[in-house]
Amino acid sequence: MQERKGGCLCGAVRYVVKGEPQMVGLCHCTHCQKQSGSVFSFNVFYKEDDYEQHGDTKFYLDTGDSGKPSRRHFCGECGSPIFTTDPGLPGVVIVKAGTLDSMEGLHPQAEIYTDRAAQWIAPCEGTKRFPRAPSF
């Protein structure tokens, strides 16, 4: 069983994920752009039972296209985004890959909200691309 560790910029939040990711993807939606401060969010989907956290996060209740609230968890000290939970994906934690200690071996399988991607971003080789969020 694979184990990956990660945490926020200041170290107040640390976590371990065990097992293989269910999916690895890029999200180009405007909410991920604003939350990440970048042109997309690099996300790794894990079973909630495979995620163990030390330290507390705060969350922002966000409403996306589905109209359902998702919880965007972040460190209350340094503001690093850590993970998101979405009611459309019960039992799943969407970990922000940039908070992992190592991204070795992770390659996006899908890109979503490509209709909102920066025009100068080339498609990631080998990914399935969706103009909006598909049902996985």
C-alpha atoms as a PDB file:
ATOM      1  CA  MET A   1       0.000   0.000   0.000  1.00  0.00           C
ATOM      2  CA  GLN A   2       1.369   3.358  -1.007  1.00  0.00           C
ATOM      3  CA  GLU A   3       1.549   6.137   1.558  1.00  0.00           C
ATOM      4  CA  ARG A   4       2.003   9.824   0.846  1.00  0.00           C
ATOM      5  CA  LYS A   5       2.521  12.638   3.318  1.00  0.00           C
ATOM      6  CA  GLY A   6       1.805  16.312   2.959  1.00  0.00           C
ATOM      7  CA  GLY A   7       0.915  19.506   4.733  1.00  0.00           C
ATOM      8  CA  CYS A   8       0.568  23.235   4.625  1.00  0.00           C
ATOM      9  CA  LEU A   9       3.264  25.873   4.154  1.00  0.00           C
ATOM     10  CA  CYS A  10       3.702  26.608   7.877  1.00  0.00           C
ATOM     11  CA  GLY A  11       3.457  22.982   9.074  1.00  0.00           C
ATOM     12  CA  ALA A  12       0.427  23.486  11.349  1.00  0.00           C
ATOM     13  CA  VAL A  13      -1.510  20.941   9.255  1.00  0.00           C
ATOM     14  CA  ARG A  14       0.024  17.603   8.274  1.00  0.00           C
ATOM     15  CA  TYR A  15      -1.658  14.605   6.717  1.00  0.00           C
ATOM     16  CA  VAL A  16      -1.072  11.089   5.437  1.00  0.00           C
ATOM     17  CA  VAL A  17      -2.962   9.388   2.620  1.00  0.00           C
ATOM     18  CA  LYS A  18      -2.756   5.636   2.205  1.00  0.00           C
ATOM     19  CA  GLY A  19      -3.516   3.628  -0.881  1.00  0.00           C
ATOM     20  CA  GLU A  20      -3.721   4.551  -4.514  1.00  0.00           C
ATOM     21  CA  PRO A  21      -5.539   7.667  -5.691  1.00  0.00           C
ATOM     22  CA  GLN A  22      -8.967   7.106  -7.198  1.00  0.00           C
ATOM     23  CA  MET A  23      -8.243   9.798  -9.775  1.00  0.00           C
ATOM     24  CA  VAL A  24      -5.744  12.555 -10.544  1.00  0.00           C
ATOM     25  CA  GLY A  25      -6.892  15.632 -12.389  1.00  0.00           C
ATOM     26  CA  LEU A  26      -6.610  19.284 -13.235  1.00  0.00           C
ATOM     27  CA  CYS A  27      -9.515  21.674 -12.669  1.00  0.00           C
ATOM     28  CA  HIS A  28      -9.631  24.899 -14.661  1.00  0.00           C
ATOM     29  CA  CYS A  29     -12.853  26.279 -13.099  1.00  0.00           C
ATOM     30  CA  THR A  30     -12.826  29.894 -11.981  1.00  0.00           C
ATOM     31  CA  HIS A  31     -13.331  28.881  -8.335  1.00  0.00           C
ATOM     32  CA  CYS A  32     -10.194  26.703  -8.386  1.00  0.00           C
ATOM     33  CA  GLN A  33      -8.318  29.482 -10.150  1.00  0.00           C
ATOM     34  CA  LYS A  34      -9.254  31.969  -7.434  1.00  0.00           C
ATOM     35  CA  GLN A  35      -8.696  29.534  -4.578  1.00  0.00           C
ATOM     36  CA  SER A  36      -5.283  28.435  -5.858  1.00  0.00           C
ATOM     37  CA  GLY A  37      -4.183  31.848  -7.089  1.00  0.00           C
ATOM     38  CA  SER A  38      -3.105  30.121 -10.277  1.00  0.00           C
ATOM     39  CA  VAL A  39      -4.480  28.999 -13.647  1.00  0.00           C
ATOM     40  CA  PHE A  40      -5.722  25.600 -12.418  1.00  0.00           C
ATOM     41  CA  SER A  41      -5.790  23.264  -9.429  1.00  0.00           C
ATOM     42  CA  PHE A  42      -3.901  19.939  -9.451  1.00  0.00           C
ATOM     43  CA  ASN A  43      -6.086  17.501  -7.486  1.00  0.00           C
ATOM     44  CA  VAL A  44      -5.692  13.952  -6.199  1.00  0.00           C
ATOM     45  CA  PHE A  45      -8.859  12.072  -5.231  1.00  0.00           C
ATOM     46  CA  TYR A  46      -8.639   9.657  -2.282  1.00  0.00           C
ATOM     47  CA  LYS A  47     -11.126   7.668  -0.265  1.00  0.00           C
ATOM     48  CA  GLU A  48     -11.990   9.625   2.869  1.00  0.00           C
ATOM     49  CA  ASP A  49     -11.036   6.590   4.988  1.00  0.00           C
ATOM     50  CA  ASP A  50      -7.506   6.722   3.506  1.00  0.00           C
ATOM     51  CA  TYR A  51      -6.935  10.322   4.692  1.00  0.00           C
ATOM     52  CA  GLU A  52      -5.595  11.091   8.191  1.00  0.00           C
ATOM     53  CA  GLN A  53      -4.959  14.667   9.301  1.00  0.00           C
ATOM     54  CA  HIS A  54      -3.086  16.225  12.229  1.00  0.00           C
ATOM     55  CA  GLY A  55      -3.843  19.871  12.964  1.00  0.00           C
ATOM     56  CA  ASP A  56      -7.010  21.777  12.261  1.00  0.00           C
ATOM     57  CA  THR A  57      -8.272  23.299   9.057  1.00  0.00           C
ATOM     58  CA  LYS A  58     -10.864  25.954   8.507  1.00  0.00           C
ATOM     59  CA  PHE A  59     -13.151  25.751   5.516  1.00  0.00           C
ATOM     60  CA  TYR A  60     -14.900  28.000   3.078  1.00  0.00           C
ATOM     61  CA  LEU A  61     -18.363  26.856   2.012  1.00  0.00           C
ATOM     62  CA  ASP A  62     -18.342  27.229  -1.759  1.00  0.00           C
ATOM     63  CA  THR A  63     -21.196  26.696  -4.208  1.00  0.00           C
ATOM     64  CA  GLY A  64     -20.267  25.576  -7.683  1.00  0.00           C
ATOM     65  CA  ASP A  65     -22.235  24.799 -10.823  1.00  0.00           C
ATOM     66  CA  SER A  66     -24.147  21.958  -9.176  1.00  0.00           C
ATOM     67  CA  GLY A  67     -25.683  24.372  -6.678  1.00  0.00           C
ATOM     68  CA  LYS A  68     -24.504  22.111  -3.854  1.00  0.00           C
ATOM     69  CA  PRO A  69     -22.007  23.345  -1.262  1.00  0.00           C
ATOM     70  CA  SER A  70     -18.456  22.051  -1.270  1.00  0.00           C
ATOM     71  CA  ARG A  71     -16.075  22.606   1.617  1.00  0.00           C
ATOM     72  CA  ARG A  72     -12.686  24.017   0.690  1.00  0.00           C
ATOM     73  CA  HIS A  73     -10.408  23.284   3.649  1.00  0.00           C
ATOM     74  CA  PHE A  74      -7.337  25.415   4.301  1.00  0.00           C
ATOM     75  CA  CYS A  75      -4.816  26.088   7.064  1.00  0.00           C
ATOM     76  CA  GLY A  76      -6.084  28.864   9.325  1.00  0.00           C
ATOM     77  CA  GLU A  77      -2.502  30.009   9.975  1.00  0.00           C
ATOM     78  CA  CYS A  78      -0.867  30.248   6.534  1.00  0.00           C
ATOM     79  CA  GLY A  79      -3.905  29.906   4.248  1.00  0.00           C
ATOM     80  CA  SER A  80      -2.619  26.934   2.239  1.00  0.00           C
ATOM     81  CA  PRO A  81      -5.490  25.082   0.550  1.00  0.00           C
ATOM     82  CA  ILE A  82      -5.375  21.446   1.720  1.00  0.00           C
ATOM     83  CA  PHE A  83      -8.416  19.555   0.442  1.00  0.00           C
ATOM     84  CA  THR A  84     -12.014  19.834  -0.728  1.00  0.00           C
ATOM     85  CA  THR A  85     -15.065  17.700  -0.055  1.00  0.00           C
ATOM     86  CA  ASP A  86     -18.002  17.711  -2.441  1.00  0.00           C
ATOM     87  CA  PRO A  87     -21.472  16.260  -1.776  1.00  0.00           C
ATOM     88  CA  GLY A  88     -21.487  14.914  -5.339  1.00  0.00           C
ATOM     89  CA  LEU A  89     -18.510  12.725  -4.387  1.00  0.00           C
ATOM     90  CA  PRO A  90     -19.449  11.202  -1.007  1.00  0.00           C
ATOM     91  CA  GLY A  91     -16.620   9.493   0.846  1.00  0.00           C
ATOM     92  CA  VAL A  92     -13.965  11.272  -1.239  1.00  0.00           C
ATOM     93  CA  VAL A  93     -11.314  13.800  -0.223  1.00  0.00           C
ATOM     94  CA  ILE A  94      -9.887  15.924  -3.032  1.00  0.00           C
ATOM     95  CA  VAL A  95      -6.325  16.672  -1.930  1.00  0.00           C
ATOM     96  CA  LYS A  96      -4.488  19.662  -3.399  1.00  0.00           C
ATOM     97  CA  ALA A  97      -1.429  17.995  -4.949  1.00  0.00           C
ATOM     98  CA  GLY A  98       0.789  21.010  -4.255  1.00  0.00           C
ATOM     99  CA  THR A  99       0.560  20.240  -0.535  1.00  0.00           C
ATOM    100  CA  LEU A 100       2.044  16.755  -0.965  1.00  0.00           C
ATOM    101  CA  ASP A 101       5.662  16.341   0.107  1.00  0.00           C
ATOM    102  CA  SER A 102       6.276  14.622  -3.239  1.00  0.00           C
ATOM    103  CA  MET A 103       4.209  14.547  -6.424  1.00  0.00           C
ATOM    104  CA  GLU A 104       6.409  11.814  -7.873  1.00  0.00           C
ATOM    105  CA  GLY A 105       4.454   9.371 -10.014  1.00  0.00           C
ATOM    106  CA  LEU A 106       1.326  11.529 -10.248  1.00  0.00           C
ATOM    107  CA  HIS A 107       0.111  12.377 -13.717  1.00  0.00           C
ATOM    108  CA  PRO A 108      -3.268  13.937 -14.482  1.00  0.00           C
ATOM    109  CA  GLN A 109      -5.791  11.559 -16.021  1.00  0.00           C
ATOM    110  CA  ALA A 110      -8.443  14.200 -16.699  1.00  0.00           C
ATOM    111  CA  GLU A 111      -8.876  17.940 -17.104  1.00  0.00           C
ATOM    112  CA  ILE A 112     -12.214  19.533 -16.266  1.00  0.00           C
ATOM    113  CA  TYR A 113     -13.683  22.951 -17.010  1.00  0.00           C
ATOM    114  CA  THR A 114     -11.428  23.215 -20.029  1.00  0.00           C
ATOM    115  CA  ASP A 115     -13.850  25.812 -21.415  1.00  0.00           C
ATOM    116  CA  ARG A 116     -12.457  28.130 -18.732  1.00  0.00           C
ATOM    117  CA  ALA A 117      -8.791  27.223 -19.122  1.00  0.00           C
ATOM    118  CA  ALA A 118      -6.268  29.944 -19.914  1.00  0.00           C
ATOM    119  CA  GLN A 119      -5.905  29.972 -23.697  1.00  0.00           C
ATOM    120  CA  TRP A 120      -2.132  29.639 -23.525  1.00  0.00           C
ATOM    121  CA  ILE A 121      -2.301  26.400 -21.459  1.00  0.00           C
ATOM    122  CA  ALA A 122      -1.658  23.394 -23.692  1.00  0.00           C
ATOM    123  CA  PRO A 123      -3.651  20.213 -23.023  1.00  0.00           C
ATOM    124  CA  CYS A 124      -1.840  17.867 -20.653  1.00  0.00           C
ATOM    125  CA  GLU A 125      -0.668  14.862 -22.655  1.00  0.00           C
ATOM    126  CA  GLY A 126      -2.732  11.726 -22.128  1.00  0.00           C
ATOM    127  CA  THR A 127      -5.642  13.335 -20.284  1.00  0.00           C
ATOM    128  CA  LYS A 128      -9.341  13.107 -21.012  1.00  0.00           C
ATOM    129  CA  ARG A 129     -10.650  16.652 -21.379  1.00  0.00           C
ATOM    130  CA  PHE A 130     -14.095  17.867 -20.406  1.00  0.00           C
ATOM    131  CA  PRO A 131     -15.526  21.365 -21.013  1.00  0.00           C
ATOM    132  CA  ARG A 132     -17.347  21.096 -17.655  1.00  0.00           C
ATOM    133  CA  ALA A 133     -17.472  18.627 -14.744  1.00  0.00           C
ATOM    134  CA  PRO A 134     -18.414  15.110 -15.843  1.00  0.00           C
ATOM    135  CA  SER A 135     -19.957  12.418 -13.691  1.00  0.00           C
ATOM    136  CA  PHE A 136     -17.065  10.148 -12.816  1.00  0.00           C
END
